[in-house]
Amino acid sequence: MPELRFNVVTREWVIIATERAKRPKDFSNNKERSHHPERLPSCPFCPGNEHKTPAERFRVPDGDAWKIRVVANKFPALSPEGEKKRLGNGLRTAVTGVGVHEVIIETPVHNRYTALQDVADIEDLIRVYMARFVEANRDPRVEHAIIFKNHGEGAGTSLDHPHSQLIATPVVPVQFRDRVQAAMHYFDNTGECLVCSLLEKDMQDGTRIIYDTPHFLTFIPYAALSPFHTWIFPKRHSASFSTLTGEESRDLAAHLKNILSRFHYGLSDPDYNYVIRSSRPRDAGNEYCHWYMSIIPRLTTAAGFEMGSGMFINTSLPERNAEFLRSVRPE
């Protein structure tokens, strides 16, 4: 019989459609991925084409060359120039579109996807993420910043060269605000952090855990919104990604490498998105929020029911998916 599960973090109901559940291997990517060279002459992110990108804002050098570059987005969603102003009132409210939109070029090698990179390279990337996150939040116009990656056309990418993005907005997104309020209510009722409580429960249960180390836990949530939807939770309580220590950076890199490698080899390199969900650095000390990473393979498409109800239908069992991923040998 189908089962409805409630995701306590996202505050969303999920229908686990057990009677039409697919086997984990049925979600393997059937689309043939194009084979790219190490350098593509037409790619603006490849070495030698630096002049094709907007002004460079940050780089990790590699001798006279570079390992990671951060540039302004050529077609930014928000403008770095201008004053933050609230416009209108009542039923018509607007805010001037000021903020930050950066592209983080992860590697000079065109075909070195994150799943194939060394842990040390991913650690460098995470350190760049943190540095740009902190810098973006220094802008007094910024209320919220997210770091995200789109891998594959189905996930929204337009360039195959491995890259991530940072967008910092002058307002707090409703989705994030709602989750903060849910965490506050849980803390008021129990005196505990919601994510810390969930982390402890899932560690005790163990059925959905994929990778466990001293600083992080990678697992599929009990009410996963979609097939193979995965979370990486830091074990140390902190509301902000900005507090990451050097040892934790290395551990997080190992987790990201581990899960993306399992997706790559177990699901034939599916399209996916990942996002770092975090409070601002100045809110790092609060007791009820807890930052984390969410990784969503794009294996299904939301349809009319999801759009109309706000509920999700997951045609897979989280426990079975976790078991399958544990069986995949990461490279």
Protein backbone atom coordinates (compact mmCIF):
# COMPACT_ATOMS: atom_id res chain seq x y z
CA MET A 1 0.00 0.00 0.00
CA PRO A 2 1.28 3.53 -0.75
CA GLU A 3 2.47 5.54 2.23
CA LEU A 4 2.49 9.27 2.95
CA ARG A 5 5.60 10.44 4.78
CA PHE A 6 6.15 13.89 6.24
CA ASN A 7 9.52 15.60 5.74
CA VAL A 8 10.02 17.49 9.01
CA VAL A 9 12.78 19.71 7.59
CA THR A 10 11.02 20.87 4.42
CA ARG A 11 7.49 20.67 5.92
CA GLU A 12 6.27 18.76 2.86
CA TRP A 13 4.26 15.56 2.46
CA VAL A 14 5.60 12.87 0.15
CA ILE A 15 3.65 9.99 -1.34
CA ILE A 16 5.89 6.93 -1.40
CA ALA A 17 4.20 5.06 -4.25
CA THR A 18 5.19 1.56 -3.16
CA GLU A 19 2.87 -0.25 -5.59
CA ARG A 20 4.57 1.33 -8.59
CA ALA A 21 8.00 1.70 -7.03
CA LYS A 22 10.88 1.12 -9.39
CA ARG A 23 14.01 -0.82 -8.63
CA PRO A 24 17.01 1.46 -7.97
CA LYS A 25 18.83 0.35 -11.12
CA ASP A 26 15.76 1.32 -13.19
CA PHE A 27 16.67 4.97 -12.57
CA SER A 28 19.99 4.65 -14.35
CA ASN A 29 20.57 7.46 -16.85
CA ASN A 30 19.73 6.24 -20.34
CA LYS A 31 20.85 9.37 -22.15
CA GLU A 32 24.23 9.11 -23.79
CA ARG A 33 26.56 11.73 -22.34
CA SER A 34 28.63 13.57 -24.92
CA HIS A 35 32.35 12.86 -24.77
CA HIS A 36 34.34 16.05 -24.43
CA PRO A 37 38.08 16.70 -24.73
CA GLU A 38 40.18 18.09 -21.89
CA ARG A 39 40.06 21.48 -23.58
CA LEU A 40 37.37 22.80 -25.90
CA PRO A 41 38.50 25.81 -27.96
CA SER A 42 35.01 27.34 -28.00
CA CYS A 43 34.44 27.01 -24.23
CA PRO A 44 34.77 30.35 -22.38
CA PHE A 45 35.79 28.52 -19.18
CA CYS A 46 38.76 26.67 -20.68
CA PRO A 47 42.34 27.98 -20.23
CA GLY A 48 43.34 30.48 -22.89
CA ASN A 49 39.79 31.84 -23.09
CA GLU A 50 39.90 33.90 -19.91
CA HIS A 51 39.19 37.02 -21.98
CA LYS A 52 35.77 35.59 -22.85
CA THR A 53 34.54 35.78 -19.25
CA PRO A 54 33.64 38.87 -17.22
CA ALA A 55 36.06 40.31 -14.69
CA GLU A 56 37.78 37.77 -12.46
CA ARG A 57 36.97 38.19 -8.77
CA PHE A 58 38.99 35.39 -7.18
CA ARG A 59 41.32 32.58 -8.16
CA VAL A 60 43.24 29.65 -6.74
CA PRO A 61 46.61 29.79 -8.55
CA ASP A 62 48.53 26.83 -9.89
CA GLY A 63 51.95 28.31 -10.60
CA ASP A 64 51.43 30.74 -13.46
CA ALA A 65 48.13 29.06 -14.31
CA TRP A 66 44.98 28.56 -12.24
CA LYS A 67 43.11 25.74 -10.50
CA ILE A 68 39.82 27.56 -9.77
CA ARG A 69 38.50 30.90 -11.03
CA VAL A 70 35.56 32.98 -9.82
CA VAL A 71 34.06 35.43 -12.29
CA ALA A 72 30.95 37.58 -12.49
CA ASN A 73 28.09 35.91 -14.33
CA LYS A 74 27.92 37.20 -17.89
CA PHE A 75 24.13 37.30 -17.71
CA PRO A 76 23.50 38.03 -14.02
CA ALA A 77 20.14 37.49 -12.38
CA LEU A 78 20.93 40.42 -10.08
CA SER A 79 22.94 43.60 -10.51
CA PRO A 80 26.03 44.35 -8.41
CA GLU A 81 25.37 48.06 -8.83
CA GLY A 82 22.61 50.10 -7.29
CA GLU A 83 20.84 50.80 -4.04
CA LYS A 84 18.49 48.40 -2.33
CA LYS A 85 15.04 49.96 -2.27
CA ARG A 86 11.61 48.60 -1.48
CA LEU A 87 9.06 49.68 -4.04
CA GLY A 88 5.28 49.72 -3.99
CA ASN A 89 3.05 48.64 -1.14
CA GLY A 90 0.19 46.34 -0.30
CA LEU A 91 -0.63 43.99 -3.17
CA ARG A 92 2.19 45.24 -5.39
CA THR A 93 5.53 45.03 -3.65
CA ALA A 94 8.97 44.96 -5.25
CA VAL A 95 12.62 45.34 -4.31
CA THR A 96 15.32 46.62 -6.63
CA GLY A 97 17.22 43.70 -8.15
CA VAL A 98 20.58 44.22 -6.54
CA GLY A 99 22.82 41.43 -5.35
CA VAL A 100 25.65 39.10 -6.30
CA HIS A 101 25.80 36.49 -9.07
CA GLU A 102 29.09 34.68 -9.55
CA VAL A 103 30.31 31.67 -11.52
CA ILE A 104 32.84 29.38 -9.87
CA ILE A 105 34.89 27.58 -12.55
CA GLU A 106 35.91 24.45 -10.71
CA THR A 107 38.78 23.19 -12.84
CA PRO A 108 40.73 24.13 -15.98
CA VAL A 109 40.00 20.66 -17.41
CA HIS A 110 36.83 20.72 -19.50
CA ASN A 111 35.79 17.12 -18.91
CA ARG A 112 36.83 16.66 -15.26
CA TYR A 113 33.40 16.46 -13.64
CA THR A 114 33.17 16.73 -9.85
CA ALA A 115 32.58 12.99 -9.44
CA LEU A 116 35.91 12.35 -11.19
CA GLN A 117 37.99 14.93 -9.33
CA ASP A 118 40.40 14.13 -6.51
CA VAL A 119 39.25 14.78 -2.95
CA ALA A 120 42.03 17.40 -2.59
CA ASP A 121 40.65 19.32 -5.57
CA ILE A 122 37.11 19.20 -4.16
CA GLU A 123 38.49 20.43 -0.84
CA ASP A 124 39.96 23.46 -2.64
CA LEU A 125 36.54 24.03 -4.22
CA ILE A 126 34.78 23.91 -0.85
CA ARG A 127 37.23 26.43 0.56
CA VAL A 128 36.45 28.73 -2.38
CA TYR A 129 32.74 28.23 -1.73
CA MET A 130 33.20 29.34 1.85
CA ALA A 131 35.36 32.34 0.95
CA ARG A 132 32.85 33.61 -1.63
CA PHE A 133 29.92 32.91 0.70
CA VAL A 134 31.53 35.03 3.42
CA GLU A 135 32.44 37.78 0.96
CA ALA A 136 28.92 37.94 -0.50
CA ASN A 137 27.42 38.25 2.96
CA ARG A 138 29.61 41.27 3.68
CA ASP A 139 27.44 43.23 1.24
CA PRO A 140 24.91 45.12 3.42
CA ARG A 141 22.29 44.71 0.69
CA VAL A 142 22.42 40.92 0.90
CA GLU A 143 19.91 39.02 3.03
CA HIS A 144 20.55 35.48 1.79
CA ALA A 145 23.16 33.66 -0.29
CA ILE A 146 23.12 30.20 -1.82
CA ILE A 147 25.79 28.16 -3.58
CA PHE A 148 24.54 25.64 -6.09
CA LYS A 149 25.61 23.42 -8.96
CA ASN A 150 23.69 22.31 -12.04
CA HIS A 151 25.12 19.20 -13.70
CA GLY A 152 23.62 18.21 -17.01
CA GLU A 153 21.03 19.71 -19.31
CA GLY A 154 18.16 18.26 -17.27
CA ALA A 155 19.46 20.11 -14.23
CA GLY A 156 19.58 23.46 -16.01
CA THR A 157 23.18 23.81 -17.11
CA SER A 158 24.07 25.48 -20.40
CA LEU A 159 27.83 24.82 -20.35
CA ASP A 160 29.36 21.38 -19.77
CA HIS A 161 32.60 22.70 -18.26
CA PRO A 162 32.38 21.97 -14.50
CA HIS A 163 31.18 25.07 -12.68
CA SER A 164 29.03 26.17 -9.78
CA GLN A 165 27.26 29.42 -8.99
CA LEU A 166 26.61 31.77 -6.09
CA ILE A 167 23.58 34.05 -5.96
CA ALA A 168 23.07 36.46 -3.09
CA THR A 169 19.66 38.14 -2.91
CA PRO A 170 18.33 41.29 -1.21
CA VAL A 171 15.45 39.30 0.32
CA VAL A 172 15.13 36.00 2.19
CA PRO A 173 13.41 33.37 0.00
CA VAL A 174 10.08 32.19 1.41
CA GLN A 175 11.18 28.55 1.27
CA PHE A 176 14.19 29.23 3.50
CA ARG A 177 12.20 31.47 5.85
CA ASP A 178 9.52 28.78 6.27
CA ARG A 179 12.14 26.18 7.14
CA VAL A 180 13.74 28.50 9.67
CA GLN A 181 10.36 29.08 11.30
CA ALA A 182 9.73 25.33 11.47
CA ALA A 183 13.13 24.87 13.14
CA MET A 184 12.32 27.65 15.60
CA HIS A 185 9.01 26.01 16.53
CA TYR A 186 10.75 22.67 17.08
CA PHE A 187 13.37 24.35 19.27
CA ASP A 188 10.69 26.17 21.27
CA ASN A 189 8.88 22.88 21.88
CA THR A 190 11.88 20.66 22.63
CA GLY A 191 14.89 22.86 23.35
CA GLU A 192 16.77 20.99 20.62
CA CYS A 193 17.89 21.63 17.04
CA LEU A 194 15.62 19.86 14.55
CA VAL A 195 18.48 18.75 12.30
CA CYS A 196 20.58 17.56 15.24
CA SER A 197 17.62 15.47 16.44
CA LEU A 198 17.04 14.07 12.97
CA LEU A 199 20.75 13.30 12.59
CA GLU A 200 20.77 11.33 15.84
CA LYS A 201 17.63 9.41 14.85
CA ASP A 202 18.96 8.44 11.43
CA MET A 203 22.30 7.36 12.87
CA GLN A 204 20.44 5.08 15.28
CA ASP A 205 18.23 3.72 12.49
CA GLY A 206 21.05 3.23 9.96
CA THR A 207 18.90 1.95 7.09
CA ARG A 208 19.26 5.06 4.92
CA ILE A 209 22.90 5.92 5.68
CA ILE A 210 25.32 5.89 2.74
CA TYR A 211 28.53 7.28 4.23
CA ASP A 212 29.43 8.08 7.83
CA THR A 213 32.59 9.83 9.09
CA PRO A 214 33.50 11.78 12.23
CA HIS A 215 32.25 15.13 10.91
CA PHE A 216 29.46 14.38 8.40
CA LEU A 217 26.69 11.95 7.54
CA THR A 218 25.45 11.28 4.00
CA PHE A 219 22.01 9.68 3.88
CA ILE A 220 18.69 9.55 2.08
CA PRO A 221 15.96 11.13 4.23
CA TYR A 222 12.97 9.13 5.48
CA ALA A 223 10.62 11.30 3.40
CA ALA A 224 12.88 11.88 0.39
CA LEU A 225 11.09 14.21 -2.01
CA SER A 226 12.33 12.38 -5.10
CA PRO A 227 14.34 9.26 -6.03
CA PHE A 228 17.84 9.28 -4.52
CA HIS A 229 17.35 12.76 -3.00
CA THR A 230 20.31 12.88 -0.60
CA TRP A 231 21.41 15.05 2.32
CA ILE A 232 24.86 15.67 3.78
CA PHE A 233 24.53 16.81 7.40
CA PRO A 234 27.39 18.23 9.47
CA LYS A 235 27.50 16.54 12.87
CA ARG A 236 28.70 19.66 14.67
CA HIS A 237 25.85 22.06 15.24
CA SER A 238 26.24 25.30 13.31
CA ALA A 239 23.72 27.50 11.57
CA SER A 240 26.17 28.75 8.95
CA PHE A 241 28.44 27.14 6.37
CA SER A 242 30.92 29.94 7.12
CA THR A 243 32.07 28.19 10.33
CA LEU A 244 33.54 25.18 8.49
CA THR A 245 36.96 24.22 9.89
CA GLY A 246 39.91 22.92 7.87
CA GLU A 247 39.39 19.35 9.05
CA GLU A 248 35.66 19.58 8.28
CA SER A 249 36.42 20.92 4.79
CA ARG A 250 38.48 17.82 4.05
CA ASP A 251 35.75 15.57 5.42
CA LEU A 252 33.01 17.32 3.46
CA ALA A 253 35.08 16.98 0.28
CA ALA A 254 35.32 13.24 0.92
CA HIS A 255 31.53 13.03 1.32
CA LEU A 256 30.82 15.00 -1.84
CA LYS A 257 33.28 12.91 -3.81
CA ASN A 258 31.82 9.72 -2.36
CA ILE A 259 28.16 10.37 -3.15
CA LEU A 260 28.72 11.92 -6.59
CA SER A 261 30.99 9.00 -7.50
CA ARG A 262 28.26 6.55 -6.44
CA PHE A 263 25.76 8.45 -8.59
CA HIS A 264 28.20 8.50 -11.50
CA TYR A 265 28.92 4.77 -11.51
CA GLY A 266 25.69 3.43 -10.02
CA LEU A 267 23.23 5.60 -11.98
CA SER A 268 25.34 6.22 -15.10
CA ASP A 269 26.17 9.88 -14.45
CA PRO A 270 22.67 11.35 -13.99
CA ASP A 271 21.87 15.03 -14.22
CA TYR A 272 21.74 16.53 -10.74
CA ASN A 273 21.61 19.71 -8.69
CA TYR A 274 23.20 20.35 -5.34
CA VAL A 275 22.79 23.32 -3.04
CA ILE A 276 24.28 24.48 0.24
CA ARG A 277 21.44 25.60 2.51
CA SER A 278 22.81 27.95 5.14
CA SER A 279 22.06 30.91 7.37
CA ARG A 280 24.17 34.06 7.16
CA PRO A 281 27.56 34.16 8.89
CA ARG A 282 26.24 36.64 11.44
CA ASP A 283 23.57 34.08 12.42
CA ALA A 284 26.05 31.24 12.86
CA GLY A 285 25.58 31.02 16.62
CA ASN A 286 21.84 30.49 16.76
CA GLU A 287 20.73 27.25 18.37
CA TYR A 288 17.86 26.22 16.09
CA CYS A 289 19.20 26.45 12.51
CA HIS A 290 21.65 23.94 11.03
CA TRP A 291 23.28 24.24 7.58
CA TYR A 292 23.48 21.24 5.25
CA MET A 293 23.90 20.14 1.63
CA SER A 294 21.08 18.79 -0.50
CA ILE A 295 21.79 16.74 -3.65
CA ILE A 296 18.96 16.00 -6.07
CA PRO A 297 19.48 13.68 -9.05
CA ARG A 298 17.06 14.73 -11.80
CA LEU A 299 15.57 11.31 -12.44
CA THR A 300 11.89 12.23 -12.61
CA THR A 301 9.84 15.23 -13.70
CA ALA A 302 7.33 17.08 -11.53
CA ALA A 303 3.89 16.96 -13.16
CA GLY A 304 0.41 18.38 -12.61
CA PHE A 305 -0.22 16.82 -9.21
CA GLU A 306 3.04 18.16 -7.76
CA MET A 307 2.43 21.59 -9.25
CA GLY A 308 -1.15 21.72 -8.04
CA SER A 309 -0.74 20.28 -4.55
CA GLY A 310 2.82 21.08 -3.49
CA MET A 311 3.15 17.37 -2.57
CA PHE A 312 5.66 15.04 -4.16
CA ILE A 313 5.26 11.50 -5.49
CA ASN A 314 8.39 9.42 -5.00
CA THR A 315 8.29 6.20 -7.02
CA SER A 316 11.13 4.66 -5.08
CA LEU A 317 11.81 3.50 -1.54
CA PRO A 318 14.44 5.58 0.30
CA GLU A 319 15.67 2.54 2.24
CA ARG A 320 16.13 0.48 -0.91
CA ASN A 321 17.89 3.35 -2.70
CA ALA A 322 20.34 3.78 0.18
CA GLU A 323 21.04 0.05 0.15
CA PHE A 324 21.72 0.21 -3.58
CA LEU A 325 24.11 3.17 -3.26
CA ARG A 326 26.00 1.44 -0.44
CA SER A 327 26.61 -1.43 -2.86
CA VAL A 328 28.15 0.87 -5.48
CA ARG A 329 31.91 1.10 -5.24
CA PRO A 330 33.00 4.76 -5.42
CA GLU A 331 36.13 5.37 -7.45
